[in-house]
C-alpha atoms as a PDB file:
ATOM      1  CA  MET A   1      53.079  19.700 -11.433  1.00  0.00           C
ATOM      2  CA  SER A   2      52.926  22.667 -13.925  1.00  0.00           C
ATOM      3  CA  THR A   3      49.747  23.514 -16.443  1.00  0.00           C
ATOM      4  CA  VAL A   4      50.739  25.191 -19.376  1.00  0.00           C
ATOM      5  CA  ILE A   5      47.779  27.417 -20.992  1.00  0.00           C
ATOM      6  CA  VAL A   6      48.112  27.728 -24.607  1.00  0.00           C
ATOM      7  CA  GLY A   7      46.370  30.352 -26.786  1.00  0.00           C
ATOM      8  CA  LEU A   8      44.702  29.227 -29.963  1.00  0.00           C
ATOM      9  CA  THR A   9      44.200  31.488 -32.793  1.00  0.00           C
ATOM     10  CA  GLY A  10      43.858  31.947 -36.388  1.00  0.00           C
ATOM     11  CA  GLY A  11      41.712  33.954 -38.854  1.00  0.00           C
ATOM     12  CA  VAL A  12      37.622  32.803 -40.130  1.00  0.00           C
ATOM     13  CA  GLY A  13      38.495  29.529 -42.366  1.00  0.00           C
ATOM     14  CA  SER A  14      41.740  28.799 -41.263  1.00  0.00           C
ATOM     15  CA  GLY A  15      40.472  25.875 -39.596  1.00  0.00           C
ATOM     16  CA  LYS A  16      41.298  26.759 -36.166  1.00  0.00           C
ATOM     17  CA  SER A  17      38.723  24.710 -34.628  1.00  0.00           C
ATOM     18  CA  THR A  18      39.947  21.211 -36.506  1.00  0.00           C
ATOM     19  CA  VAL A  19      43.783  22.128 -34.631  1.00  0.00           C
ATOM     20  CA  SER A  20      41.267  22.404 -31.232  1.00  0.00           C
ATOM     21  CA  ALA A  21      39.790  19.177 -31.998  1.00  0.00           C
ATOM     22  CA  LEU A  22      42.899  17.137 -32.800  1.00  0.00           C
ATOM     23  CA  LEU A  23      45.054  18.899 -29.665  1.00  0.00           C
ATOM     24  CA  ALA A  24      41.844  17.250 -27.712  1.00  0.00           C
ATOM     25  CA  GLY A  25      42.800  14.007 -28.732  1.00  0.00           C
ATOM     26  CA  HIS A  26      45.843  13.913 -27.717  1.00  0.00           C
ATOM     27  CA  GLY A  27      44.825  15.078 -24.345  1.00  0.00           C
ATOM     28  CA  ALA A  28      44.963  18.997 -24.121  1.00  0.00           C
ATOM     29  CA  VAL A  29      41.903  20.658 -21.847  1.00  0.00           C
ATOM     30  CA  VAL A  30      39.998  22.249 -24.134  1.00  0.00           C
ATOM     31  CA  LEU A  31      38.450  25.776 -23.273  1.00  0.00           C
ATOM     32  CA  ASP A  32      36.630  27.531 -26.421  1.00  0.00           C
ATOM     33  CA  ALA A  33      35.648  31.578 -25.690  1.00  0.00           C
ATOM     34  CA  ASP A  34      32.686  31.094 -28.251  1.00  0.00           C
ATOM     35  CA  VAL A  35      31.319  28.793 -26.351  1.00  0.00           C
ATOM     36  CA  ILE A  36      32.197  30.377 -23.501  1.00  0.00           C
ATOM     37  CA  ALA A  37      30.227  33.429 -24.970  1.00  0.00           C
ATOM     38  CA  ARG A  38      27.051  31.833 -25.200  1.00  0.00           C
ATOM     39  CA  GLU A  39      27.037  30.063 -21.685  1.00  0.00           C
ATOM     40  CA  VAL A  40      27.459  33.623 -20.355  1.00  0.00           C
ATOM     41  CA  VAL A  41      24.768  34.794 -21.714  1.00  0.00           C
ATOM     42  CA  GLN A  42      22.003  32.041 -21.600  1.00  0.00           C
ATOM     43  CA  PRO A  43      18.815  32.663 -20.227  1.00  0.00           C
ATOM     44  CA  GLY A  44      18.442  33.597 -16.965  1.00  0.00           C
ATOM     45  CA  THR A  45      21.731  34.922 -16.792  1.00  0.00           C
ATOM     46  CA  GLU A  46      23.143  38.179 -15.598  1.00  0.00           C
ATOM     47  CA  GLY A  47      24.449  38.052 -18.744  1.00  0.00           C
ATOM     48  CA  PHE A  48      21.268  38.517 -21.233  1.00  0.00           C
ATOM     49  CA  ASP A  49      19.563  40.345 -18.662  1.00  0.00           C
ATOM     50  CA  ALA A  50      22.193  42.783 -19.457  1.00  0.00           C
ATOM     51  CA  VAL A  51      22.511  42.407 -22.824  1.00  0.00           C
ATOM     52  CA  VAL A  52      18.948  42.774 -23.381  1.00  0.00           C
ATOM     53  CA  ALA A  53      18.476  46.164 -20.910  1.00  0.00           C
ATOM     54  CA  ARG A  54      21.770  47.691 -23.677  1.00  0.00           C
ATOM     55  CA  PHE A  55      19.884  46.723 -26.574  1.00  0.00           C
ATOM     56  CA  GLY A  56      16.192  46.067 -25.782  1.00  0.00           C
ATOM     57  CA  ARG A  57      13.461  43.057 -26.814  1.00  0.00           C
ATOM     58  CA  GLY A  58      14.170  43.087 -30.261  1.00  0.00           C
ATOM     59  CA  VAL A  59      17.417  40.815 -29.580  1.00  0.00           C
ATOM     60  CA  VAL A  60      15.241  38.170 -27.921  1.00  0.00           C
ATOM     61  CA  ALA A  61      15.112  35.146 -30.751  1.00  0.00           C
ATOM     62  CA  ALA A  62      11.273  33.770 -30.861  1.00  0.00           C
ATOM     63  CA  ASP A  63      12.657  30.763 -27.964  1.00  0.00           C
ATOM     64  CA  GLY A  64      13.920  33.283 -25.998  1.00  0.00           C
ATOM     65  CA  THR A  65      16.967  32.676 -25.908  1.00  0.00           C
ATOM     66  CA  LEU A  66      19.416  36.361 -27.513  1.00  0.00           C
ATOM     67  CA  ASP A  67      19.483  36.609 -31.413  1.00  0.00           C
ATOM     68  CA  ARG A  68      23.146  36.416 -31.960  1.00  0.00           C
ATOM     69  CA  ARG A  69      22.557  36.903 -35.824  1.00  0.00           C
ATOM     70  CA  GLY A  70      20.736  40.159 -35.285  1.00  0.00           C
ATOM     71  CA  ILE A  71      22.810  41.177 -32.697  1.00  0.00           C
ATOM     72  CA  ALA A  72      26.234  40.472 -34.751  1.00  0.00           C
ATOM     73  CA  GLU A  73      24.271  42.911 -37.442  1.00  0.00           C
ATOM     74  CA  ILE A  74      23.644  45.878 -34.832  1.00  0.00           C
ATOM     75  CA  VAL A  75      27.399  46.192 -33.302  1.00  0.00           C
ATOM     76  CA  PHE A  76      28.989  44.645 -36.584  1.00  0.00           C
ATOM     77  CA  ALA A  77      27.661  48.274 -38.416  1.00  0.00           C
ATOM     78  CA  ASP A  78      28.126  50.550 -34.690  1.00  0.00           C
ATOM     79  CA  GLU A  79      31.544  50.286 -33.113  1.00  0.00           C
ATOM     80  CA  GLY A  80      30.391  51.896 -30.047  1.00  0.00           C
ATOM     81  CA  ALA A  81      27.718  49.401 -29.247  1.00  0.00           C
ATOM     82  CA  ARG A  82      30.621  46.319 -29.796  1.00  0.00           C
ATOM     83  CA  ASN A  83      31.803  48.427 -27.302  1.00  0.00           C
ATOM     84  CA  ASP A  84      28.502  48.311 -25.292  1.00  0.00           C
ATOM     85  CA  LEU A  85      28.362  44.518 -25.884  1.00  0.00           C
ATOM     86  CA  ASN A  86      32.174  43.554 -24.800  1.00  0.00           C
ATOM     87  CA  ALA A  87      32.341  45.707 -21.839  1.00  0.00           C
ATOM     88  CA  ILE A  88      29.227  43.297 -20.878  1.00  0.00           C
ATOM     89  CA  VAL A  89      30.477  39.861 -22.174  1.00  0.00           C
ATOM     90  CA  HIS A  90      34.046  39.810 -22.102  1.00  0.00           C
ATOM     91  CA  PRO A  91      34.716  39.925 -18.367  1.00  0.00           C
ATOM     92  CA  LEU A  92      31.918  37.212 -18.040  1.00  0.00           C
ATOM     93  CA  VAL A  93      33.927  35.344 -20.067  1.00  0.00           C
ATOM     94  CA  GLY A  94      36.923  36.256 -18.394  1.00  0.00           C
ATOM     95  CA  GLN A  95      35.291  34.960 -15.627  1.00  0.00           C
ATOM     96  CA  ARG A  96      34.151  31.816 -16.246  1.00  0.00           C
ATOM     97  CA  SER A  97      37.039  30.969 -18.061  1.00  0.00           C
ATOM     98  CA  ALA A  98      39.295  31.396 -14.751  1.00  0.00           C
ATOM     99  CA  GLU A  99      36.698  28.900 -12.827  1.00  0.00           C
ATOM    100  CA  LEU A 100      37.219  25.964 -15.491  1.00  0.00           C
ATOM    101  CA  LEU A 101      41.022  26.759 -15.889  1.00  0.00           C
ATOM    102  CA  ALA A 102      40.646  26.658 -12.003  1.00  0.00           C
ATOM    103  CA  ALA A 103      39.049  22.882 -12.446  1.00  0.00           C
ATOM    104  CA  ALA A 104      42.245  21.482 -14.780  1.00  0.00           C
ATOM    105  CA  PRO A 105      44.398  18.921 -13.730  1.00  0.00           C
ATOM    106  CA  PRO A 106      47.346  20.447 -12.117  1.00  0.00           C
ATOM    107  CA  ASP A 107      49.377  18.482 -14.716  1.00  0.00           C
ATOM    108  CA  ALA A 108      47.420  19.612 -18.057  1.00  0.00           C
ATOM    109  CA  ILE A 109      48.237  21.326 -21.463  1.00  0.00           C
ATOM    110  CA  VAL A 110      45.082  24.385 -21.549  1.00  0.00           C
ATOM    111  CA  VAL A 111      44.541  25.222 -24.600  1.00  0.00           C
ATOM    112  CA  TYR A 112      42.362  28.380 -24.946  1.00  0.00           C
ATOM    113  CA  ASP A 113      40.460  28.699 -28.076  1.00  0.00           C
ATOM    114  CA  VAL A 114      40.046  32.489 -28.693  1.00  0.00           C
ATOM    115  CA  ALA A 115      39.548  33.688 -32.356  1.00  0.00           C
ATOM    116  CA  LEU A 116      40.254  37.391 -31.295  1.00  0.00           C
ATOM    117  CA  LEU A 117      43.341  37.025 -29.225  1.00  0.00           C
ATOM    118  CA  VAL A 118      45.489  39.341 -31.757  1.00  0.00           C
ATOM    119  CA  GLU A 119      42.344  41.875 -32.260  1.00  0.00           C
ATOM    120  CA  ALA A 120      42.070  41.591 -28.267  1.00  0.00           C
ATOM    121  CA  GLY A 121      45.913  42.115 -27.113  1.00  0.00           C
ATOM    122  CA  LEU A 122      45.594  38.886 -24.856  1.00  0.00           C
ATOM    123  CA  GLY A 123      48.671  37.246 -26.585  1.00  0.00           C
ATOM    124  CA  ALA A 124      50.549  38.063 -23.340  1.00  0.00           C
ATOM    125  CA  GLY A 125      48.359  35.825 -21.116  1.00  0.00           C
ATOM    126  CA  PHE A 126      49.613  32.864 -22.600  1.00  0.00           C
ATOM    127  CA  ASP A 127      52.351  30.469 -21.875  1.00  0.00           C
ATOM    128  CA  CYS A 128      52.642  29.954 -25.619  1.00  0.00           C
ATOM    129  CA  VAL A 129      50.506  31.276 -28.455  1.00  0.00           C
ATOM    130  CA  VAL A 130      49.541  29.089 -31.359  1.00  0.00           C
ATOM    131  CA  VAL A 131      48.773  30.979 -34.765  1.00  0.00           C
ATOM    132  CA  VAL A 132      46.594  28.098 -37.603  1.00  0.00           C
ATOM    133  CA  GLN A 133      47.169  30.153 -40.996  1.00  0.00           C
ATOM    134  CA  ALA A 134      46.047  29.564 -44.162  1.00  0.00           C
ATOM    135  CA  ASP A 135      46.257  31.406 -47.617  1.00  0.00           C
ATOM    136  CA  ALA A 136      43.372  33.359 -48.368  1.00  0.00           C
ATOM    137  CA  VAL A 137      42.155  31.567 -51.609  1.00  0.00           C
ATOM    138  CA  THR A 138      42.279  28.870 -49.116  1.00  0.00           C
ATOM    139  CA  ARG A 139      39.665  30.357 -46.366  1.00  0.00           C
ATOM    140  CA  LEU A 140      37.499  31.419 -48.882  1.00  0.00           C
ATOM    141  CA  ALA A 141      37.048  28.554 -50.145  1.00  0.00           C
ATOM    142  CA  ARG A 142      36.465  26.629 -46.815  1.00  0.00           C
ATOM    143  CA  LEU A 143      33.878  29.676 -45.969  1.00  0.00           C
ATOM    144  CA  ALA A 144      31.945  29.119 -49.400  1.00  0.00           C
ATOM    145  CA  GLU A 145      31.694  25.528 -48.327  1.00  0.00           C
ATOM    146  CA  ARG A 146      30.089  26.535 -45.232  1.00  0.00           C
ATOM    147  CA  GLY A 147      27.256  29.001 -47.012  1.00  0.00           C
ATOM    148  CA  MET A 148      28.684  31.964 -45.923  1.00  0.00           C
ATOM    149  CA  PRO A 149      28.446  34.463 -49.325  1.00  0.00           C
ATOM    150  CA  GLU A 150      32.231  35.570 -50.687  1.00  0.00           C
ATOM    151  CA  GLN A 151      31.572  39.517 -49.778  1.00  0.00           C
ATOM    152  CA  GLU A 152      30.473  38.556 -46.320  1.00  0.00           C
ATOM    153  CA  ALA A 153      33.588  36.317 -46.138  1.00  0.00           C
ATOM    154  CA  ARG A 154      35.902  38.544 -47.231  1.00  0.00           C
ATOM    155  CA  ALA A 155      34.178  41.337 -45.075  1.00  0.00           C
ATOM    156  CA  ARG A 156      35.123  39.108 -41.931  1.00  0.00           C
ATOM    157  CA  MET A 157      38.581  38.704 -42.917  1.00  0.00           C
ATOM    158  CA  ALA A 158      39.226  42.334 -43.661  1.00  0.00           C
ATOM    159  CA  ALA A 159      37.953  43.007 -40.438  1.00  0.00           C
ATOM    160  CA  GLN A 160      40.388  40.582 -38.346  1.00  0.00           C
ATOM    161  CA  ALA A 161      44.189  40.910 -37.901  1.00  0.00           C
ATOM    162  CA  SER A 162      46.163  40.154 -40.895  1.00  0.00           C
ATOM    163  CA  ASP A 163      48.294  37.468 -41.014  1.00  0.00           C
ATOM    164  CA  ASP A 164      51.899  39.000 -40.161  1.00  0.00           C
ATOM    165  CA  GLU A 165      50.285  40.690 -36.548  1.00  0.00           C
ATOM    166  CA  ARG A 166      49.351  37.116 -35.701  1.00  0.00           C
ATOM    167  CA  ARG A 167      52.700  36.212 -37.071  1.00  0.00           C
ATOM    168  CA  ALA A 168      53.981  38.899 -34.753  1.00  0.00           C
ATOM    169  CA  VAL A 169      52.363  36.811 -31.082  1.00  0.00           C
ATOM    170  CA  ALA A 170      53.230  33.827 -32.456  1.00  0.00           C
ATOM    171  CA  ASP A 171      55.639  30.790 -30.749  1.00  0.00           C
ATOM    172  CA  GLU A 172      54.295  28.528 -33.037  1.00  0.00           C
ATOM    173  CA  MET A 173      52.832  28.444 -36.603  1.00  0.00           C
ATOM    174  CA  ILE A 174      50.689  25.536 -37.965  1.00  0.00           C
ATOM    175  CA  GLY A 175      50.174  26.175 -41.498  1.00  0.00           C
ATOM    176  CA  ASN A 176      46.891  24.224 -42.863  1.00  0.00           C
ATOM    177  CA  ASP A 177      46.733  24.859 -46.643  1.00  0.00           C
ATOM    178  CA  ALA A 178      47.276  20.991 -47.304  1.00  0.00           C
ATOM    179  CA  THR A 179      45.588  17.919 -46.529  1.00  0.00           C
ATOM    180  CA  ARG A 180      43.507  16.800 -42.844  1.00  0.00           C
ATOM    181  CA  ASP A 181      46.373  14.072 -42.764  1.00  0.00           C
ATOM    182  CA  ALA A 182      49.714  16.882 -43.051  1.00  0.00           C
ATOM    183  CA  LEU A 183      47.310  19.003 -40.774  1.00  0.00           C
ATOM    184  CA  ALA A 184      47.361  16.618 -38.278  1.00  0.00           C
ATOM    185  CA  ALA A 185      50.567  14.970 -38.447  1.00  0.00           C
ATOM    186  CA  ALA A 186      52.159  18.752 -37.991  1.00  0.00           C
ATOM    187  CA  VAL A 187      49.726  19.063 -34.557  1.00  0.00           C
ATOM    188  CA  SER A 188      51.062  15.704 -32.967  1.00  0.00           C
ATOM    189  CA  ALA A 189      53.952  17.237 -33.508  1.00  0.00           C
ATOM    190  CA  LEU A 190      52.786  20.620 -32.620  1.00  0.00           C
ATOM    191  CA  TRP A 191      51.332  18.479 -29.673  1.00  0.00           C
ATOM    192  CA  GLN A 192      55.216  16.498 -28.292  1.00  0.00           C
ATOM    193  CA  ARG A 193      56.731  20.194 -28.227  1.00  0.00           C
ATOM    194  CA  LEU A 194      54.404  21.079 -25.517  1.00  0.00           C
ATOM    195  CA  VAL A 195      54.873  18.097 -23.888  1.00  0.00           C
ATOM    196  CA  LEU A 196      58.119  19.460 -23.564  1.00  0.00           C
ATOM    197  CA  ARG A 197      57.371  22.917 -22.702  1.00  0.00           C
ATOM    198  CA  ARG A 198      54.857  21.310 -19.992  1.00  0.00           C
ATOM    199  CA  ASP A 199      57.895  19.404 -18.733  1.00  0.00           C
ATOM    200  CA  ALA A 200      60.942  21.421 -18.556  1.00  0.00           C
ATOM    201  CA  ALA A 201      57.980  24.137 -16.263  1.00  0.00           C
ATOM    202  CA  VAL A 202      57.643  20.908 -14.186  1.00  0.00           C
ATOM    203  CA  GLU A 203      61.369  20.096 -13.721  1.00  0.00           C
ATOM    204  CA  GLY A 204      62.140  24.262 -13.187  1.00  0.00           C
ATOM    205  CA  THR A 205      59.677  24.151 -10.338  1.00  0.00           C
ATOM    206  CA  LEU A 206      61.459  21.405  -8.403  1.00  0.00           C
END
C-alpha cells in the first residue's frame, strides 16, 4: 500500500483547523505542526532547554512552561530572534513529524496541518497541497469573534503569504466563505479525490 501525504495550509482565520477536523472525521491521520511545535519545547525537553538558553529565564512562565505569548512578542519584533527560534524548533518538529509519519498505517492519507507551509517553502515535500481560502472580511470577522483586535489580525495576515502565493503552490483549493454545510460538502468531495489519488498510487506500485 502507499501513504499519501497532504500538506494543508491557509491564512489565519481561513478555517484551516475546521477543514483538518473534517478530514480527520473521514479517516485522515492528522499531524498538526503547531501541536508538535509545542510538544518539542515542553519542560524537560532538549527544545525547552535550547529556547531558555537563547532567550533567558524571562521566557519561562509561572507554571514552568514557556511563555508563548512573550516569546511571540520578542520574535515578531526581531527577525534575528525569530530566525534563532526557528533554528531551534524546526529541526525538532521535523524529527518528531518523521516519527509520527513512520507510525502511520501504510495505506493512510496523512494530513499535515502547517500554517506556514508556503512561507517556509515546504510545498514540494507533499504529494498534494491543499489550501483553505476565505476573503479578508470573513477572516477578520472570525478573528474578531476569537477576541483578536483588528490591528493585530491585520498585522498577522500581512505577515503571512498572500492568496496568490498560496494559490501558486496549491493542488487543491477549498473555499470557506459560505456555510459549515457547504464546507463539509467541499471537504467530502476533496476526501474522495484524495482516496482516488492514494488508490492510483497503490496501483502504480503493483
